[in-house]
Amino acid sequence: MIRIAVANQKGGVGKTTTAINLATALAATGMKVLLLDLDPQGNASTGLGVAQAARLRNSYDVLLGEASIVDAAVPSRVPRLDLLAATQDLSGAEVELVGYDRRTHRLADALDAVPDGRWDVCLMDCPPSLGLLTVNALVSAKQLLVPLQCEFFALEGLSQLLQTVERIRSRFNPELAILGVALTMFDRRNSLSRQVAEDVRACLGTAVFDTVVPRNVRLSEAPSHGLPALIYDLKCSGSEAYVRLARELIARLPRITPTTAEAA
């Protein structure tokens, strides 16, 4: 199973929107996808239409060892896309996990226990911080996808995230690689957005995806309907951008064996 952490410690950069819509796009190709919600706000869970009452077993239970991922994951409205939901209980998990053995590897151990072939890809929607929940995701992931809002302060946050990635590599997970940086909330009318995009590309080169996700009201509306934007309005500019981004992402992923994907 390919494990991708979707992380940026800065909030409001389109991280959850990116995770939901890329997971939807991957599922549409025939892959079996697990979206893992690690944010106490539970926005990914809400955005996929999973009500609070349906989150009886969730990522908090998995991290504390009270449920397996297979038992806790629930189907979403999207075919082949399952969700490990989040609740506000996660907000206390970082304190509770301090006393646990392998507190930085709780999620990695849970993912290692998932039977081969259960899912092809796991996307992890991380909280907007570099705390223990995000560290668990980075320790368990093979690749990191960074949504980056096209504004000045986002560049400072990116440097902090990259420093954290290097620490994770050196101490816990030398296999962690940056899959790519996705530029989000791009406003073509704003010269600052263009300048930030140019600066990021000059700094990171080919690590930055070619596709730029624009500011789009339909992307903001979709979660209130419990649907990914790709289903809510496939023809809007935001959805079309995520389709293109998904194509780029798939091209960078290790090849999924046909028998695994066809079993969906």
C-alpha atoms as a PDB file:
ATOM      1  CA  MET A   1       0.000   0.000   0.000  1.00  0.00           C
ATOM      2  CA  ILE A   2       1.361   3.387  -1.024  1.00  0.00           C
ATOM      3  CA  ARG A   3       1.292   5.784   1.939  1.00  0.00           C
ATOM      4  CA  ILE A   4       1.103   9.520   1.279  1.00  0.00           C
ATOM      5  CA  ALA A   5       1.001  12.169   4.018  1.00  0.00           C
ATOM      6  CA  VAL A   6      -0.742  15.394   2.992  1.00  0.00           C
ATOM      7  CA  ALA A   7       0.793  17.922   5.357  1.00  0.00           C
ATOM      8  CA  ASN A   8       1.441  21.581   5.962  1.00  0.00           C
ATOM      9  CA  GLN A   9       1.566  23.060   9.457  1.00  0.00           C
ATOM     10  CA  LYS A  10      -0.060  26.257   8.186  1.00  0.00           C
ATOM     11  CA  GLY A  11      -3.855  26.164   8.229  1.00  0.00           C
ATOM     12  CA  GLY A  12      -6.140  27.287   5.425  1.00  0.00           C
ATOM     13  CA  VAL A  13      -3.923  26.163   2.544  1.00  0.00           C
ATOM     14  CA  GLY A  14      -6.398  23.753   0.953  1.00  0.00           C
ATOM     15  CA  LYS A  15      -4.867  20.672   2.534  1.00  0.00           C
ATOM     16  CA  THR A  16      -8.103  18.836   3.283  1.00  0.00           C
ATOM     17  CA  THR A  17      -9.660  19.855  -0.035  1.00  0.00           C
ATOM     18  CA  THR A  18      -6.592  18.478  -1.776  1.00  0.00           C
ATOM     19  CA  ALA A  19      -6.679  15.208   0.167  1.00  0.00           C
ATOM     20  CA  ILE A  20     -10.395  14.625  -0.483  1.00  0.00           C
ATOM     21  CA  ASN A  21     -10.312  15.367  -4.185  1.00  0.00           C
ATOM     22  CA  LEU A  22      -7.104  13.502  -4.942  1.00  0.00           C
ATOM     23  CA  ALA A  23      -8.459  10.485  -3.053  1.00  0.00           C
ATOM     24  CA  THR A  24     -11.637  10.704  -5.143  1.00  0.00           C
ATOM     25  CA  ALA A  25      -9.668  10.972  -8.378  1.00  0.00           C
ATOM     26  CA  LEU A  26      -7.479   7.984  -7.490  1.00  0.00           C
ATOM     27  CA  ALA A  27     -10.559   5.911  -6.647  1.00  0.00           C
ATOM     28  CA  ALA A  28     -12.077   6.864 -10.008  1.00  0.00           C
ATOM     29  CA  THR A  29      -9.116   5.218 -11.740  1.00  0.00           C
ATOM     30  CA  GLY A  30      -9.967   1.888 -10.096  1.00  0.00           C
ATOM     31  CA  MET A  31      -7.618   2.050  -7.133  1.00  0.00           C
ATOM     32  CA  LYS A  32      -8.824   1.098  -3.668  1.00  0.00           C
ATOM     33  CA  VAL A  33      -8.156   4.180  -1.561  1.00  0.00           C
ATOM     34  CA  LEU A  34      -8.113   4.842   2.175  1.00  0.00           C
ATOM     35  CA  LEU A  35      -8.362   8.450   3.358  1.00  0.00           C
ATOM     36  CA  LEU A  36      -7.113   8.737   6.901  1.00  0.00           C
ATOM     37  CA  ASP A  37      -8.363  11.788   8.810  1.00  0.00           C
ATOM     38  CA  LEU A  38      -5.847  12.825  11.484  1.00  0.00           C
ATOM     39  CA  ASP A  39      -7.214  16.322  12.113  1.00  0.00           C
ATOM     40  CA  PRO A  40      -9.282  16.759  15.318  1.00  0.00           C
ATOM     41  CA  GLN A  41     -11.533  19.143  13.376  1.00  0.00           C
ATOM     42  CA  GLY A  42     -12.600  16.167  11.252  1.00  0.00           C
ATOM     43  CA  ASN A  43     -13.033  18.242   8.115  1.00  0.00           C
ATOM     44  CA  ALA A  44     -12.102  15.412   5.761  1.00  0.00           C
ATOM     45  CA  SER A  45     -14.730  13.232   7.414  1.00  0.00           C
ATOM     46  CA  THR A  46     -17.375  15.960   7.100  1.00  0.00           C
ATOM     47  CA  GLY A  47     -16.327  16.676   3.532  1.00  0.00           C
ATOM     48  CA  LEU A  48     -17.024  13.064   2.609  1.00  0.00           C
ATOM     49  CA  GLY A  49     -20.455  13.152   4.222  1.00  0.00           C
ATOM     50  CA  VAL A  50     -19.670  10.929   7.223  1.00  0.00           C
ATOM     51  CA  ALA A  51     -21.802  12.119  10.141  1.00  0.00           C
ATOM     52  CA  GLN A  52     -20.528  12.302  13.710  1.00  0.00           C
ATOM     53  CA  ALA A  53     -22.850   9.451  14.686  1.00  0.00           C
ATOM     54  CA  ALA A  54     -21.122   7.189  12.159  1.00  0.00           C
ATOM     55  CA  ARG A  55     -17.660   7.783  13.640  1.00  0.00           C
ATOM     56  CA  LEU A  56     -17.983   5.235  16.430  1.00  0.00           C
ATOM     57  CA  ARG A  57     -14.506   3.866  15.737  1.00  0.00           C
ATOM     58  CA  ASN A  58     -12.037   6.370  14.398  1.00  0.00           C
ATOM     59  CA  SER A  59      -8.404   7.418  14.092  1.00  0.00           C
ATOM     60  CA  TYR A  60      -8.223   8.195  17.820  1.00  0.00           C
ATOM     61  CA  ASP A  61      -9.107   4.583  18.645  1.00  0.00           C
ATOM     62  CA  VAL A  62      -6.527   3.339  16.142  1.00  0.00           C
ATOM     63  CA  LEU A  63      -3.718   5.471  17.581  1.00  0.00           C
ATOM     64  CA  LEU A  64      -4.503   4.299  21.110  1.00  0.00           C
ATOM     65  CA  GLY A  65      -4.587   0.669  19.975  1.00  0.00           C
ATOM     66  CA  GLU A  66      -8.292   0.184  20.720  1.00  0.00           C
ATOM     67  CA  ALA A  67      -9.290  -0.648  17.123  1.00  0.00           C
ATOM     68  CA  SER A  68      -7.616  -1.778  13.919  1.00  0.00           C
ATOM     69  CA  ILE A  69      -7.728   0.323  10.766  1.00  0.00           C
ATOM     70  CA  VAL A  70      -9.648  -2.379   8.919  1.00  0.00           C
ATOM     71  CA  ASP A  71     -12.329  -2.487  11.629  1.00  0.00           C
ATOM     72  CA  ALA A  72     -12.564   1.291  12.016  1.00  0.00           C
ATOM     73  CA  ALA A  73     -12.629   2.361   8.348  1.00  0.00           C
ATOM     74  CA  VAL A  74     -16.047   3.055   6.821  1.00  0.00           C
ATOM     75  CA  PRO A  75     -17.144   3.335   3.170  1.00  0.00           C
ATOM     76  CA  SER A  76     -17.697   6.820   1.781  1.00  0.00           C
ATOM     77  CA  ARG A  77     -20.188   7.882  -0.877  1.00  0.00           C
ATOM     78  CA  VAL A  78     -17.392   7.501  -3.429  1.00  0.00           C
ATOM     79  CA  PRO A  79     -16.946   3.955  -4.790  1.00  0.00           C
ATOM     80  CA  ARG A  80     -13.644   2.359  -3.735  1.00  0.00           C
ATOM     81  CA  LEU A  81     -12.892   5.196  -1.290  1.00  0.00           C
ATOM     82  CA  ASP A  82     -12.937   4.315   2.420  1.00  0.00           C
ATOM     83  CA  LEU A  83     -12.447   6.699   5.321  1.00  0.00           C
ATOM     84  CA  LEU A  84     -10.877   6.412   8.731  1.00  0.00           C
ATOM     85  CA  ALA A  85     -12.797   9.239  10.355  1.00  0.00           C
ATOM     86  CA  ALA A  86     -11.694  11.705  13.031  1.00  0.00           C
ATOM     87  CA  THR A  87     -13.418  13.154  16.077  1.00  0.00           C
ATOM     88  CA  GLN A  88     -12.546  15.859  18.592  1.00  0.00           C
ATOM     89  CA  ASP A  89     -11.081  13.146  20.829  1.00  0.00           C
ATOM     90  CA  LEU A  90      -7.942  13.463  18.698  1.00  0.00           C
ATOM     91  CA  SER A  91      -7.277  16.863  20.267  1.00  0.00           C
ATOM     92  CA  GLY A  92      -6.212  15.089  23.461  1.00  0.00           C
ATOM     93  CA  ALA A  93      -4.340  12.275  21.749  1.00  0.00           C
ATOM     94  CA  GLU A  94      -1.004  14.074  21.667  1.00  0.00           C
ATOM     95  CA  VAL A  95      -0.997  14.375  25.456  1.00  0.00           C
ATOM     96  CA  GLU A  96      -2.242  10.828  26.007  1.00  0.00           C
ATOM     97  CA  LEU A  97       0.301   9.296  23.639  1.00  0.00           C
ATOM     98  CA  VAL A  98       3.250  10.733  25.564  1.00  0.00           C
ATOM     99  CA  GLY A  99       3.070   7.809  27.980  1.00  0.00           C
ATOM    100  CA  TYR A 100       2.761   5.137  25.279  1.00  0.00           C
ATOM    101  CA  ASP A 101       5.557   3.008  23.879  1.00  0.00           C
ATOM    102  CA  ARG A 102       6.538   3.853  20.295  1.00  0.00           C
ATOM    103  CA  ARG A 103       4.395   6.968  20.445  1.00  0.00           C
ATOM    104  CA  THR A 104       5.835   8.218  17.148  1.00  0.00           C
ATOM    105  CA  HIS A 105       5.169   4.870  15.435  1.00  0.00           C
ATOM    106  CA  ARG A 106       1.590   4.176  16.519  1.00  0.00           C
ATOM    107  CA  LEU A 107       0.148   4.874  13.086  1.00  0.00           C
ATOM    108  CA  ALA A 108       2.961   3.065  11.262  1.00  0.00           C
ATOM    109  CA  ASP A 109       2.352  -0.052  13.354  1.00  0.00           C
ATOM    110  CA  ALA A 110      -1.389   0.103  12.639  1.00  0.00           C
ATOM    111  CA  LEU A 111      -0.807   0.471   8.891  1.00  0.00           C
ATOM    112  CA  ASP A 112       1.720  -2.374   8.919  1.00  0.00           C
ATOM    113  CA  ALA A 113      -1.041  -4.614  10.300  1.00  0.00           C
ATOM    114  CA  VAL A 114      -3.358  -3.942   7.321  1.00  0.00           C
ATOM    115  CA  PRO A 115      -3.555  -7.067   5.105  1.00  0.00           C
ATOM    116  CA  ASP A 116      -1.870  -6.827   1.715  1.00  0.00           C
ATOM    117  CA  GLY A 117      -4.273  -5.806  -1.049  1.00  0.00           C
ATOM    118  CA  ARG A 118      -6.873  -4.266   1.260  1.00  0.00           C
ATOM    119  CA  TRP A 119      -6.144  -0.821  -0.158  1.00  0.00           C
ATOM    120  CA  ASP A 120      -3.783   0.355  -2.890  1.00  0.00           C
ATOM    121  CA  VAL A 121      -3.207   3.890  -1.615  1.00  0.00           C
ATOM    122  CA  CYS A 122      -3.533   5.595   1.768  1.00  0.00           C
ATOM    123  CA  LEU A 123      -3.765   9.395   1.919  1.00  0.00           C
ATOM    124  CA  MET A 124      -3.296  10.923   5.379  1.00  0.00           C
ATOM    125  CA  ASP A 125      -4.878  14.333   6.013  1.00  0.00           C
ATOM    126  CA  CYS A 126      -2.715  15.853   8.760  1.00  0.00           C
ATOM    127  CA  PRO A 127      -3.649  18.608  11.219  1.00  0.00           C
ATOM    128  CA  PRO A 128      -2.252  22.133  10.697  1.00  0.00           C
ATOM    129  CA  SER A 129       0.643  21.646  13.117  1.00  0.00           C
ATOM    130  CA  LEU A 130       3.905  19.753  13.469  1.00  0.00           C
ATOM    131  CA  GLY A 131       2.826  17.915  16.614  1.00  0.00           C
ATOM    132  CA  LEU A 132       2.717  14.224  17.406  1.00  0.00           C
ATOM    133  CA  LEU A 133      -0.204  13.480  15.057  1.00  0.00           C
ATOM    134  CA  THR A 134       1.670  14.875  12.066  1.00  0.00           C
ATOM    135  CA  VAL A 135       4.873  13.170  13.186  1.00  0.00           C
ATOM    136  CA  ASN A 136       3.016   9.845  13.267  1.00  0.00           C
ATOM    137  CA  ALA A 137       1.885  10.430   9.689  1.00  0.00           C
ATOM    138  CA  LEU A 138       5.379  11.353   8.501  1.00  0.00           C
ATOM    139  CA  VAL A 139       6.918   8.356  10.243  1.00  0.00           C
ATOM    140  CA  SER A 140       4.411   6.010   8.597  1.00  0.00           C
ATOM    141  CA  ALA A 141       4.441   7.584   5.103  1.00  0.00           C
ATOM    142  CA  LYS A 142       6.670   6.843   2.153  1.00  0.00           C
ATOM    143  CA  GLN A 143       5.818  10.104   0.397  1.00  0.00           C
ATOM    144  CA  LEU A 144       4.876  13.622   1.425  1.00  0.00           C
ATOM    145  CA  LEU A 145       2.517  15.841  -0.556  1.00  0.00           C
ATOM    146  CA  VAL A 146       2.621  19.515   0.453  1.00  0.00           C
ATOM    147  CA  PRO A 147      -0.294  21.808  -0.492  1.00  0.00           C
ATOM    148  CA  LEU A 148       1.084  25.345  -0.543  1.00  0.00           C
ATOM    149  CA  GLN A 149      -1.067  28.451  -0.674  1.00  0.00           C
ATOM    150  CA  CYS A 150       0.252  31.118  -3.023  1.00  0.00           C
ATOM    151  CA  GLU A 151       0.972  33.794  -0.424  1.00  0.00           C
ATOM    152  CA  PHE A 152       4.090  35.162   1.285  1.00  0.00           C
ATOM    153  CA  PHE A 153       3.714  33.565   4.722  1.00  0.00           C
ATOM    154  CA  ALA A 154       3.326  30.131   3.129  1.00  0.00           C
ATOM    155  CA  LEU A 155       6.990  30.232   2.130  1.00  0.00           C
ATOM    156  CA  GLU A 156       8.090  30.572   5.752  1.00  0.00           C
ATOM    157  CA  GLY A 157       5.893  27.646   6.746  1.00  0.00           C
ATOM    158  CA  LEU A 158       7.346  25.531   3.958  1.00  0.00           C
ATOM    159  CA  SER A 159      10.885  25.964   5.249  1.00  0.00           C
ATOM    160  CA  GLN A 160       9.800  24.839   8.720  1.00  0.00           C
ATOM    161  CA  LEU A 161       8.072  21.788   7.268  1.00  0.00           C
ATOM    162  CA  LEU A 162      11.128  20.821   5.225  1.00  0.00           C
ATOM    163  CA  GLN A 163      13.289  21.056   8.352  1.00  0.00           C
ATOM    164  CA  THR A 164      10.871  18.743  10.160  1.00  0.00           C
ATOM    165  CA  VAL A 165      11.012  16.301   7.250  1.00  0.00           C
ATOM    166  CA  GLU A 166      14.809  16.174   7.514  1.00  0.00           C
ATOM    167  CA  ARG A 167      14.570  15.447  11.240  1.00  0.00           C
ATOM    168  CA  ILE A 168      12.050  12.671  10.603  1.00  0.00           C
ATOM    169  CA  ARG A 169      14.336  11.193   7.942  1.00  0.00           C
ATOM    170  CA  SER A 170      17.384  11.235  10.177  1.00  0.00           C
ATOM    171  CA  ARG A 171      15.694   9.842  13.297  1.00  0.00           C
ATOM    172  CA  PHE A 172      12.733   7.694  12.277  1.00  0.00           C
ATOM    173  CA  ASN A 173      11.978   7.252   8.590  1.00  0.00           C
ATOM    174  CA  PRO A 174      14.872   7.502   6.100  1.00  0.00           C
ATOM    175  CA  GLU A 175      12.525   6.361   3.292  1.00  0.00           C
ATOM    176  CA  LEU A 176      10.333   9.468   3.495  1.00  0.00           C
ATOM    177  CA  ALA A 177      10.465  11.366   0.185  1.00  0.00           C
ATOM    178  CA  ILE A 178       8.754  14.523  -1.032  1.00  0.00           C
ATOM    179  CA  LEU A 179       6.260  13.458  -3.674  1.00  0.00           C
ATOM    180  CA  GLY A 180       5.566  17.035  -4.663  1.00  0.00           C
ATOM    181  CA  VAL A 181       4.383  20.513  -3.744  1.00  0.00           C
ATOM    182  CA  ALA A 182       0.915  21.490  -4.982  1.00  0.00           C
ATOM    183  CA  LEU A 183       0.243  25.201  -5.395  1.00  0.00           C
ATOM    184  CA  THR A 184      -3.279  26.015  -4.201  1.00  0.00           C
ATOM    185  CA  MET A 185      -5.629  28.997  -3.908  1.00  0.00           C
ATOM    186  CA  PHE A 186      -3.937  30.697  -6.848  1.00  0.00           C
ATOM    187  CA  ASP A 187      -5.441  34.048  -7.827  1.00  0.00           C
ATOM    188  CA  ARG A 188      -4.394  35.029 -11.340  1.00  0.00           C
ATOM    189  CA  ARG A 189      -5.453  38.632 -10.672  1.00  0.00           C
ATOM    190  CA  ASN A 190      -2.996  38.902  -7.796  1.00  0.00           C
ATOM    191  CA  SER A 191       0.617  39.656  -8.707  1.00  0.00           C
ATOM    192  CA  LEU A 192       1.754  38.311  -5.312  1.00  0.00           C
ATOM    193  CA  SER A 193       0.291  34.889  -6.137  1.00  0.00           C
ATOM    194  CA  ARG A 194       2.279  34.814  -9.357  1.00  0.00           C
ATOM    195  CA  GLN A 195       5.448  35.925  -7.575  1.00  0.00           C
ATOM    196  CA  VAL A 196       5.110  33.278  -4.854  1.00  0.00           C
ATOM    197  CA  ALA A 197       4.526  30.579  -7.472  1.00  0.00           C
ATOM    198  CA  GLU A 198       7.641  31.687  -9.352  1.00  0.00           C
ATOM    199  CA  ASP A 199       9.729  31.767  -6.155  1.00  0.00           C
ATOM    200  CA  VAL A 200       8.628  28.278  -5.118  1.00  0.00           C
ATOM    201  CA  ARG A 201       9.421  26.856  -8.547  1.00  0.00           C
ATOM    202  CA  ALA A 202      12.815  28.573  -8.552  1.00  0.00           C
ATOM    203  CA  CYS A 203      13.582  27.065  -5.128  1.00  0.00           C
ATOM    204  CA  LEU A 204      12.173  23.545  -5.509  1.00  0.00           C
ATOM    205  CA  GLY A 205      12.224  23.018  -9.264  1.00  0.00           C
ATOM    206  CA  THR A 206      10.559  19.834 -10.483  1.00  0.00           C
ATOM    207  CA  ALA A 207       9.293  19.003  -6.988  1.00  0.00           C
ATOM    208  CA  VAL A 208       6.481  21.506  -7.693  1.00  0.00           C
ATOM    209  CA  PHE A 209       3.581  20.092  -9.687  1.00  0.00           C
ATOM    210  CA  ASP A 210       2.830  21.854 -12.973  1.00  0.00           C
ATOM    211  CA  THR A 211      -0.870  22.085 -12.106  1.00  0.00           C
ATOM    212  CA  VAL A 212      -1.954  25.096 -10.056  1.00  0.00           C
ATOM    213  CA  VAL A 213      -5.278  24.921  -8.193  1.00  0.00           C
ATOM    214  CA  PRO A 214      -7.157  28.240  -8.460  1.00  0.00           C
ATOM    215  CA  ARG A 215      -9.358  29.924  -5.910  1.00  0.00           C
ATOM    216  CA  ASN A 216     -12.819  28.608  -6.691  1.00  0.00           C
ATOM    217  CA  VAL A 217     -16.119  29.039  -4.858  1.00  0.00           C
ATOM    218  CA  ARG A 218     -17.332  25.569  -5.856  1.00  0.00           C
ATOM    219  CA  LEU A 219     -14.416  23.998  -3.999  1.00  0.00           C
ATOM    220  CA  SER A 220     -15.567  25.845  -0.881  1.00  0.00           C
ATOM    221  CA  GLU A 221     -19.223  24.863  -1.336  1.00  0.00           C
ATOM    222  CA  ALA A 222     -18.688  21.142  -1.857  1.00  0.00           C
ATOM    223  CA  PRO A 223     -17.888  20.162   1.789  1.00  0.00           C
ATOM    224  CA  SER A 224     -21.195  21.639   3.007  1.00  0.00           C
ATOM    225  CA  HIS A 225     -22.913  19.046   0.814  1.00  0.00           C
ATOM    226  CA  GLY A 226     -20.720  16.217   2.102  1.00  0.00           C
ATOM    227  CA  LEU A 227     -19.269  15.671  -1.359  1.00  0.00           C
ATOM    228  CA  PRO A 228     -15.857  16.013  -3.003  1.00  0.00           C
ATOM    229  CA  ALA A 229     -15.785  18.857  -5.507  1.00  0.00           C
ATOM    230  CA  LEU A 230     -15.113  16.299  -8.249  1.00  0.00           C
ATOM    231  CA  ILE A 231     -18.608  14.934  -7.651  1.00  0.00           C
ATOM    232  CA  TYR A 232     -20.309  18.178  -6.630  1.00  0.00           C
ATOM    233  CA  ASP A 233     -19.240  20.008  -9.796  1.00  0.00           C
ATOM    234  CA  LEU A 234     -16.798  18.192 -12.073  1.00  0.00           C
ATOM    235  CA  LYS A 235     -16.768  21.032 -14.611  1.00  0.00           C
ATOM    236  CA  CYS A 236     -15.725  23.845 -12.286  1.00  0.00           C
ATOM    237  CA  SER A 237     -12.190  25.175 -12.624  1.00  0.00           C
ATOM    238  CA  GLY A 238     -11.150  23.797  -9.240  1.00  0.00           C
ATOM    239  CA  SER A 239     -12.282  20.255 -10.046  1.00  0.00           C
ATOM    240  CA  GLU A 240     -10.627  20.350 -13.451  1.00  0.00           C
ATOM    241  CA  ALA A 241      -7.387  21.414 -11.766  1.00  0.00           C
ATOM    242  CA  TYR A 242      -7.563  18.516  -9.292  1.00  0.00           C
ATOM    243  CA  VAL A 243      -8.120  16.065 -12.156  1.00  0.00           C
ATOM    244  CA  ARG A 244      -4.938  17.342 -13.804  1.00  0.00           C
ATOM    245  CA  LEU A 245      -3.095  17.256 -10.483  1.00  0.00           C
ATOM    246  CA  ALA A 246      -4.199  13.652  -9.943  1.00  0.00           C
ATOM    247  CA  ARG A 247      -2.746  12.688 -13.334  1.00  0.00           C
ATOM    248  CA  GLU A 248       0.582  14.218 -12.335  1.00  0.00           C
ATOM    249  CA  LEU A 249       0.487  12.490  -8.963  1.00  0.00           C
ATOM    250  CA  ILE A 250      -0.229   9.080 -10.506  1.00  0.00           C
ATOM    251  CA  ALA A 251       2.712   9.546 -12.869  1.00  0.00           C
ATOM    252  CA  ARG A 252       4.998  10.023  -9.844  1.00  0.00           C
ATOM    253  CA  LEU A 253       3.686   7.052  -7.851  1.00  0.00           C
ATOM    254  CA  PRO A 254       5.169   3.567  -7.939  1.00  0.00           C
ATOM    255  CA  ARG A 255       3.193   1.497 -10.414  1.00  0.00           C
ATOM    256  CA  ILE A 256       0.205  -0.330  -8.931  1.00  0.00           C
ATOM    257  CA  THR A 257       0.068  -3.941 -10.086  1.00  0.00           C
ATOM    258  CA  PRO A 258      -2.990  -4.465 -12.312  1.00  0.00           C
ATOM    259  CA  THR A 259      -4.270  -7.400 -10.281  1.00  0.00           C
ATOM    260  CA  THR A 260      -4.439  -5.220  -7.181  1.00  0.00           C
ATOM    261  CA  ALA A 261      -6.365  -2.411  -8.848  1.00  0.00           C
ATOM    262  CA  GLU A 262      -8.659  -4.746 -10.791  1.00  0.00           C
ATOM    263  CA  ALA A 263      -9.721  -6.435  -7.565  1.00  0.00           C
ATOM    264  CA  ALA A 264     -11.623  -3.284  -6.606  1.00  0.00           C
END
